């Protein structure tokens, strides 16, 4: 989970639909394709929550258009066609959007919204694949970090998946730790910045980043 930059201009097709007259089932496949173009540009074909790679084309899709605030009648139906309420999520049943939508009611304001806030100001990604609240948060912010982890189930099965994805970068992390301990920052910082550029569009990029950054 990392900061996302949402296009100010919503997909044009959303103007066709009105809450109270239409429902999400009214949205045509072509119009969902237009929405996905915008989501893919924002998320780089990764789940907005777990950062796993997702396929968003109609054939062999393993993803869905996710409503951050649930569009159920007792939740936030007025957000059904609201561009700022949409993300792309993987289809894992035990995490991310589908897990969230299966939970009992919760306060949506407890969730970290990635196009509005920077999750890295709340969450730390550990070398073993776990995600925890960063140290020093206020009581309110720690609660929000805990709730975001719980509601999207960002640990659980995802912990092992995340650890497997980042294990190949452990040697790189060890090398940068040595550089930081033995050399001036000016000598190794350009190498680190180059490595961060290489990983920025990879699945699980935030976990890789937190692994290789020197303590």
C-alpha atoms as a PDB file:
ATOM      1  CA  UNK A   1       0.000   0.000   0.000  1.00  0.00           C
ATOM      2  CA  UNK A   2       1.526   3.296  -1.094  1.00  0.00           C
ATOM      3  CA  UNK A   3       0.545   6.820  -2.078  1.00  0.00           C
ATOM      4  CA  UNK A   4      -1.401   7.024  -5.331  1.00  0.00           C
ATOM      5  CA  UNK A   5      -2.038  10.033  -7.541  1.00  0.00           C
ATOM      6  CA  UNK A   6      -5.564  10.052  -8.923  1.00  0.00           C
ATOM      7  CA  UNK A   7      -6.425  11.787 -12.174  1.00  0.00           C
ATOM      8  CA  UNK A   8      -8.524  14.867 -11.464  1.00  0.00           C
ATOM      9  CA  UNK A   9     -10.563  14.174 -14.600  1.00  0.00           C
ATOM     10  CA  UNK A  10     -12.934  11.219 -13.992  1.00  0.00           C
ATOM     11  CA  UNK A  11     -13.750   8.689 -16.705  1.00  0.00           C
ATOM     12  CA  UNK A  12     -16.245  10.354 -19.052  1.00  0.00           C
ATOM     13  CA  UNK A  13     -18.546   7.328 -18.957  1.00  0.00           C
ATOM     14  CA  UNK A  14     -19.465   7.929 -15.307  1.00  0.00           C
ATOM     15  CA  UNK A  15     -21.589  10.889 -16.393  1.00  0.00           C
ATOM     16  CA  UNK A  16     -24.060   8.413 -17.901  1.00  0.00           C
ATOM     17  CA  UNK A  17     -25.071   6.955 -14.554  1.00  0.00           C
ATOM     18  CA  UNK A  18     -27.131   8.394 -11.723  1.00  0.00           C
ATOM     19  CA  UNK A  19     -27.542   7.012  -8.231  1.00  0.00           C
ATOM     20  CA  UNK A  20     -31.185   6.125  -7.617  1.00  0.00           C
ATOM     21  CA  UNK A  21     -31.797   5.466 -11.299  1.00  0.00           C
ATOM     22  CA  UNK A  22     -28.886   3.141 -12.091  1.00  0.00           C
ATOM     23  CA  UNK A  23     -26.912   0.600 -10.085  1.00  0.00           C
ATOM     24  CA  UNK A  24     -23.419  -0.836 -10.536  1.00  0.00           C
ATOM     25  CA  UNK A  25     -24.879  -3.650 -12.624  1.00  0.00           C
ATOM     26  CA  UNK A  26     -25.950  -1.031 -15.158  1.00  0.00           C
ATOM     27  CA  UNK A  27     -22.324  -0.194 -16.026  1.00  0.00           C
ATOM     28  CA  UNK A  28     -21.435  -1.750 -19.378  1.00  0.00           C
ATOM     29  CA  UNK A  29     -18.265  -3.779 -19.972  1.00  0.00           C
ATOM     30  CA  UNK A  30     -16.976  -1.051 -22.299  1.00  0.00           C
ATOM     31  CA  UNK A  31     -17.516   1.598 -19.646  1.00  0.00           C
ATOM     32  CA  UNK A  32     -15.779  -0.531 -17.022  1.00  0.00           C
ATOM     33  CA  UNK A  33     -12.912  -0.813 -19.491  1.00  0.00           C
ATOM     34  CA  UNK A  34     -12.722   2.984 -19.635  1.00  0.00           C
ATOM     35  CA  UNK A  35     -12.647   3.141 -15.825  1.00  0.00           C
ATOM     36  CA  UNK A  36      -9.865   0.550 -15.772  1.00  0.00           C
ATOM     37  CA  UNK A  37      -7.727   2.665 -18.100  1.00  0.00           C
ATOM     38  CA  UNK A  38      -7.745   5.406 -15.463  1.00  0.00           C
ATOM     39  CA  UNK A  39      -7.188   2.968 -12.591  1.00  0.00           C
ATOM     40  CA  UNK A  40      -4.296   1.262 -14.375  1.00  0.00           C
ATOM     41  CA  UNK A  41      -2.643   4.635 -14.957  1.00  0.00           C
ATOM     42  CA  UNK A  42      -2.925   5.363 -11.231  1.00  0.00           C
ATOM     43  CA  UNK A  43      -1.982   1.923  -9.915  1.00  0.00           C
ATOM     44  CA  UNK A  44       0.345   0.536 -12.604  1.00  0.00           C
ATOM     45  CA  UNK A  45      -1.531  -2.795 -12.777  1.00  0.00           C
ATOM     46  CA  UNK A  46      -1.193  -3.461  -9.055  1.00  0.00           C
ATOM     47  CA  UNK A  47      -3.848  -3.964  -6.401  1.00  0.00           C
ATOM     48  CA  UNK A  48      -4.410  -0.676  -4.593  1.00  0.00           C
ATOM     49  CA  UNK A  49      -4.238  -2.437  -1.232  1.00  0.00           C
ATOM     50  CA  UNK A  50      -1.755  -5.332  -1.293  1.00  0.00           C
ATOM     51  CA  UNK A  51       0.256  -4.188  -4.382  1.00  0.00           C
ATOM     52  CA  UNK A  52       0.094  -7.618  -6.016  1.00  0.00           C
ATOM     53  CA  UNK A  53       0.154  -7.639  -9.810  1.00  0.00           C
ATOM     54  CA  UNK A  54      -3.329  -7.737 -11.309  1.00  0.00           C
ATOM     55  CA  UNK A  55      -4.699  -8.429 -14.769  1.00  0.00           C
ATOM     56  CA  UNK A  56      -7.402  -5.927 -15.602  1.00  0.00           C
ATOM     57  CA  UNK A  57      -8.384  -6.816 -19.159  1.00  0.00           C
ATOM     58  CA  UNK A  58     -11.701  -8.643 -19.561  1.00  0.00           C
ATOM     59  CA  UNK A  59     -10.040 -11.917 -20.578  1.00  0.00           C
ATOM     60  CA  UNK A  60      -8.351 -13.697 -17.651  1.00  0.00           C
ATOM     61  CA  UNK A  61      -9.039 -10.822 -15.271  1.00  0.00           C
ATOM     62  CA  UNK A  62      -8.132 -11.439 -11.633  1.00  0.00           C
ATOM     63  CA  UNK A  63      -9.355  -8.079 -10.382  1.00  0.00           C
ATOM     64  CA  UNK A  64     -12.415  -5.941  -9.828  1.00  0.00           C
ATOM     65  CA  UNK A  65     -13.317  -2.271  -9.572  1.00  0.00           C
ATOM     66  CA  UNK A  66     -13.443  -1.638  -5.862  1.00  0.00           C
ATOM     67  CA  UNK A  67     -15.539   0.915  -3.985  1.00  0.00           C
ATOM     68  CA  UNK A  68     -13.489   2.234  -1.073  1.00  0.00           C
ATOM     69  CA  UNK A  69     -16.625   3.102   0.855  1.00  0.00           C
ATOM     70  CA  UNK A  70     -19.005   0.192   0.424  1.00  0.00           C
ATOM     71  CA  UNK A  71     -21.872   0.911  -1.971  1.00  0.00           C
ATOM     72  CA  UNK A  72     -24.352  -1.240  -0.068  1.00  0.00           C
ATOM     73  CA  UNK A  73     -27.666   0.410   0.808  1.00  0.00           C
ATOM     74  CA  UNK A  74     -26.744   0.851   4.480  1.00  0.00           C
ATOM     75  CA  UNK A  75     -23.251   2.130   3.698  1.00  0.00           C
ATOM     76  CA  UNK A  76     -22.553   4.645   0.912  1.00  0.00           C
ATOM     77  CA  UNK A  77     -24.727   4.029  -2.165  1.00  0.00           C
ATOM     78  CA  UNK A  78     -24.215   7.645  -3.249  1.00  0.00           C
ATOM     79  CA  UNK A  79     -20.595   6.723  -3.915  1.00  0.00           C
ATOM     80  CA  UNK A  80     -21.446   4.066  -6.512  1.00  0.00           C
ATOM     81  CA  UNK A  81     -20.478   6.268  -9.476  1.00  0.00           C
ATOM     82  CA  UNK A  82     -18.077   8.568  -7.646  1.00  0.00           C
ATOM     83  CA  UNK A  83     -14.612   8.451  -9.235  1.00  0.00           C
ATOM     84  CA  UNK A  84     -12.848   9.291  -5.969  1.00  0.00           C
ATOM     85  CA  UNK A  85     -14.457   6.203  -4.383  1.00  0.00           C
ATOM     86  CA  UNK A  86     -12.994   3.744  -6.908  1.00  0.00           C
ATOM     87  CA  UNK A  87      -9.804   1.683  -6.818  1.00  0.00           C
ATOM     88  CA  UNK A  88      -8.705  -1.505  -8.549  1.00  0.00           C
ATOM     89  CA  UNK A  89      -8.415  -4.524  -6.252  1.00  0.00           C
ATOM     90  CA  UNK A  90      -7.256  -8.099  -6.606  1.00  0.00           C
ATOM     91  CA  UNK A  91      -9.868 -10.841  -6.261  1.00  0.00           C
ATOM     92  CA  UNK A  92      -8.413 -12.565  -3.179  1.00  0.00           C
ATOM     93  CA  UNK A  93     -11.302 -13.510  -0.925  1.00  0.00           C
ATOM     94  CA  UNK A  94      -9.222 -13.331   2.254  1.00  0.00           C
ATOM     95  CA  UNK A  95      -7.778  -9.847   1.764  1.00  0.00           C
ATOM     96  CA  UNK A  96      -8.190  -6.452   0.144  1.00  0.00           C
ATOM     97  CA  UNK A  97     -11.529  -5.316  -1.314  1.00  0.00           C
ATOM     98  CA  UNK A  98     -13.475  -8.564  -1.139  1.00  0.00           C
ATOM     99  CA  UNK A  99     -12.396  -9.185   2.455  1.00  0.00           C
ATOM    100  CA  UNK A 100     -13.395  -5.634   3.426  1.00  0.00           C
ATOM    101  CA  UNK A 101     -16.839  -5.983   1.905  1.00  0.00           C
ATOM    102  CA  UNK A 102     -17.508  -9.172   3.857  1.00  0.00           C
ATOM    103  CA  UNK A 103     -16.900  -7.606   7.256  1.00  0.00           C
ATOM    104  CA  UNK A 104     -19.454  -6.263   9.731  1.00  0.00           C
ATOM    105  CA  UNK A 105     -19.950  -2.479   9.702  1.00  0.00           C
ATOM    106  CA  UNK A 106     -16.917  -0.348  10.555  1.00  0.00           C
ATOM    107  CA  UNK A 107     -16.026   3.346  10.482  1.00  0.00           C
ATOM    108  CA  UNK A 108     -14.707   4.130   7.004  1.00  0.00           C
ATOM    109  CA  UNK A 109     -12.828   7.125   8.419  1.00  0.00           C
ATOM    110  CA  UNK A 110     -10.550   4.674  10.211  1.00  0.00           C
ATOM    111  CA  UNK A 111      -9.131   3.548   6.858  1.00  0.00           C
ATOM    112  CA  UNK A 112      -6.063   5.104   5.256  1.00  0.00           C
ATOM    113  CA  UNK A 113      -7.111   6.324   1.786  1.00  0.00           C
ATOM    114  CA  UNK A 114      -4.128   6.031  -0.522  1.00  0.00           C
ATOM    115  CA  UNK A 115      -4.968   8.845  -2.951  1.00  0.00           C
ATOM    116  CA  UNK A 116      -5.478  11.252  -0.045  1.00  0.00           C
ATOM    117  CA  UNK A 117      -2.871  10.178   2.523  1.00  0.00           C
ATOM    118  CA  UNK A 118       0.537   8.533   2.363  1.00  0.00           C
ATOM    119  CA  UNK A 119       0.270   5.038   3.896  1.00  0.00           C
ATOM    120  CA  UNK A 120       4.003   5.101   4.620  1.00  0.00           C
ATOM    121  CA  UNK A 121       3.316   7.733   7.266  1.00  0.00           C
ATOM    122  CA  UNK A 122       1.315   5.069   9.112  1.00  0.00           C
ATOM    123  CA  UNK A 123       2.648   1.637   8.110  1.00  0.00           C
ATOM    124  CA  UNK A 124       6.003  -0.140   8.279  1.00  0.00           C
ATOM    125  CA  UNK A 125       6.781  -3.163   6.088  1.00  0.00           C
ATOM    126  CA  UNK A 126       8.989  -5.687   7.890  1.00  0.00           C
ATOM    127  CA  UNK A 127      11.534  -8.115   6.358  1.00  0.00           C
ATOM    128  CA  UNK A 128       9.380 -11.106   7.387  1.00  0.00           C
ATOM    129  CA  UNK A 129       6.483  -9.817   5.261  1.00  0.00           C
ATOM    130  CA  UNK A 130       4.397  -8.390   8.086  1.00  0.00           C
ATOM    131  CA  UNK A 131       2.976  -4.872   8.105  1.00  0.00           C
ATOM    132  CA  UNK A 132       2.804  -2.995  11.428  1.00  0.00           C
ATOM    133  CA  UNK A 133       1.999   0.553  12.541  1.00  0.00           C
ATOM    134  CA  UNK A 134       5.103   2.700  12.563  1.00  0.00           C
ATOM    135  CA  UNK A 135       6.460   3.663  15.978  1.00  0.00           C
ATOM    136  CA  UNK A 136       5.537   6.986  17.524  1.00  0.00           C
ATOM    137  CA  UNK A 137       2.038   7.367  16.063  1.00  0.00           C
ATOM    138  CA  UNK A 138      -0.634   9.148  18.046  1.00  0.00           C
ATOM    139  CA  UNK A 139      -3.315   6.950  19.592  1.00  0.00           C
ATOM    140  CA  UNK A 140      -5.738   7.935  16.834  1.00  0.00           C
ATOM    141  CA  UNK A 141      -3.289   7.279  13.994  1.00  0.00           C
ATOM    142  CA  UNK A 142      -2.173   3.944  15.474  1.00  0.00           C
ATOM    143  CA  UNK A 143      -5.821   2.878  15.625  1.00  0.00           C
ATOM    144  CA  UNK A 144      -6.239   3.839  11.968  1.00  0.00           C
ATOM    145  CA  UNK A 145      -3.111   1.900  10.999  1.00  0.00           C
ATOM    146  CA  UNK A 146      -4.331  -1.161  12.927  1.00  0.00           C
ATOM    147  CA  UNK A 147      -7.789  -0.926  11.385  1.00  0.00           C
ATOM    148  CA  UNK A 148      -6.406  -0.580   7.860  1.00  0.00           C
ATOM    149  CA  UNK A 149      -4.305  -3.708   8.368  1.00  0.00           C
ATOM    150  CA  UNK A 150      -7.273  -5.579   9.867  1.00  0.00           C
ATOM    151  CA  UNK A 151      -9.999  -4.524   7.463  1.00  0.00           C
ATOM    152  CA  UNK A 152      -7.935  -5.277   4.354  1.00  0.00           C
ATOM    153  CA  UNK A 153      -6.268  -8.253   6.100  1.00  0.00           C
ATOM    154  CA  UNK A 154      -2.872  -7.108   4.898  1.00  0.00           C
ATOM    155  CA  UNK A 155      -1.058  -9.751   6.922  1.00  0.00           C
ATOM    156  CA  UNK A 156      -2.456 -13.300   7.118  1.00  0.00           C
ATOM    157  CA  UNK A 157      -1.774 -15.164   3.865  1.00  0.00           C
ATOM    158  CA  UNK A 158      -0.373 -11.995   2.328  1.00  0.00           C
ATOM    159  CA  UNK A 159       2.496 -11.997   4.810  1.00  0.00           C
ATOM    160  CA  UNK A 160       4.044 -15.125   3.294  1.00  0.00           C
ATOM    161  CA  UNK A 161       3.342 -13.963  -0.261  1.00  0.00           C
ATOM    162  CA  UNK A 162       5.023 -10.646   0.482  1.00  0.00           C
ATOM    163  CA  UNK A 163       8.031 -12.289   2.126  1.00  0.00           C
ATOM    164  CA  UNK A 164       8.505 -14.580  -0.883  1.00  0.00           C
ATOM    165  CA  UNK A 165       8.383 -11.611  -3.241  1.00  0.00           C
ATOM    166  CA  UNK A 166      11.013  -9.587  -1.368  1.00  0.00           C
ATOM    167  CA  UNK A 167      13.436 -12.349  -0.377  1.00  0.00           C
ATOM    168  CA  UNK A 168      15.528 -11.844  -3.502  1.00  0.00           C
ATOM    169  CA  UNK A 169      16.368  -8.300  -2.353  1.00  0.00           C
ATOM    170  CA  UNK A 170      17.898  -9.296   0.987  1.00  0.00           C
ATOM    171  CA  UNK A 171      21.434  -9.288  -0.398  1.00  0.00           C
ATOM    172  CA  UNK A 172      20.835  -5.824  -1.828  1.00  0.00           C
ATOM    173  CA  UNK A 173      19.584  -4.696   1.572  1.00  0.00           C
ATOM    174  CA  UNK A 174      22.678  -6.097   3.276  1.00  0.00           C
ATOM    175  CA  UNK A 175      24.936  -4.303   0.816  1.00  0.00           C
ATOM    176  CA  UNK A 176      23.277  -0.946   1.428  1.00  0.00           C
ATOM    177  CA  UNK A 177      23.480  -1.491   5.190  1.00  0.00           C
ATOM    178  CA  UNK A 178      27.251  -1.974   4.816  1.00  0.00           C
ATOM    179  CA  UNK A 179      27.528   1.110   2.611  1.00  0.00           C
ATOM    180  CA  UNK A 180      25.627   3.182   5.178  1.00  0.00           C
ATOM    181  CA  UNK A 181      27.865   1.962   8.009  1.00  0.00           C
ATOM    182  CA  UNK A 182      31.218   2.357   6.258  1.00  0.00           C
ATOM    183  CA  UNK A 183      30.918   5.163   3.706  1.00  0.00           C
ATOM    184  CA  UNK A 184      29.676   8.727   3.459  1.00  0.00           C
ATOM    185  CA  UNK A 185      26.077   9.072   2.327  1.00  0.00           C
ATOM    186  CA  UNK A 186      27.160  11.007  -0.755  1.00  0.00           C
ATOM    187  CA  UNK A 187      29.037   7.895  -1.940  1.00  0.00           C
ATOM    188  CA  UNK A 188      26.130   5.447  -1.834  1.00  0.00           C
ATOM    189  CA  UNK A 189      22.951   7.542  -1.959  1.00  0.00           C
ATOM    190  CA  UNK A 190      22.928   7.784  -5.793  1.00  0.00           C
ATOM    191  CA  UNK A 191      23.112   3.967  -5.966  1.00  0.00           C
ATOM    192  CA  UNK A 192      20.185   3.680  -3.572  1.00  0.00           C
ATOM    193  CA  UNK A 193      18.144   6.220  -5.499  1.00  0.00           C
ATOM    194  CA  UNK A 194      18.815   4.308  -8.719  1.00  0.00           C
ATOM    195  CA  UNK A 195      17.662   1.064  -7.071  1.00  0.00           C
ATOM    196  CA  UNK A 196      14.480   2.736  -5.818  1.00  0.00           C
ATOM    197  CA  UNK A 197      13.730   3.926  -9.356  1.00  0.00           C
ATOM    198  CA  UNK A 198      14.111   0.373 -10.646  1.00  0.00           C
ATOM    199  CA  UNK A 199      11.615  -1.080  -8.164  1.00  0.00           C
ATOM    200  CA  UNK A 200       9.000   1.670  -8.106  1.00  0.00           C
ATOM    201  CA  UNK A 201       6.671  -0.042 -10.593  1.00  0.00           C
ATOM    202  CA  UNK A 202       7.136  -3.608  -9.308  1.00  0.00           C
ATOM    203  CA  UNK A 203       4.530  -5.577  -7.380  1.00  0.00           C
ATOM    204  CA  UNK A 204       5.016  -5.207  -3.611  1.00  0.00           C
ATOM    205  CA  UNK A 205       7.240  -2.200  -4.241  1.00  0.00           C
ATOM    206  CA  UNK A 206       6.721  -0.722  -0.775  1.00  0.00           C
ATOM    207  CA  UNK A 207       7.822  -3.899   0.974  1.00  0.00           C
ATOM    208  CA  UNK A 208      10.952  -4.037  -1.216  1.00  0.00           C
ATOM    209  CA  UNK A 209      11.652  -0.369  -0.543  1.00  0.00           C
ATOM    210  CA  UNK A 210      11.400  -0.759   3.228  1.00  0.00           C
ATOM    211  CA  UNK A 211      13.687  -3.774   3.075  1.00  0.00           C
ATOM    212  CA  UNK A 212      16.524  -2.108   1.195  1.00  0.00           C
ATOM    213  CA  UNK A 213      16.436   1.279   2.916  1.00  0.00           C
ATOM    214  CA  UNK A 214      19.260   1.436   5.492  1.00  0.00           C
ATOM    215  CA  UNK A 215      18.042   1.745   9.077  1.00  0.00           C
END
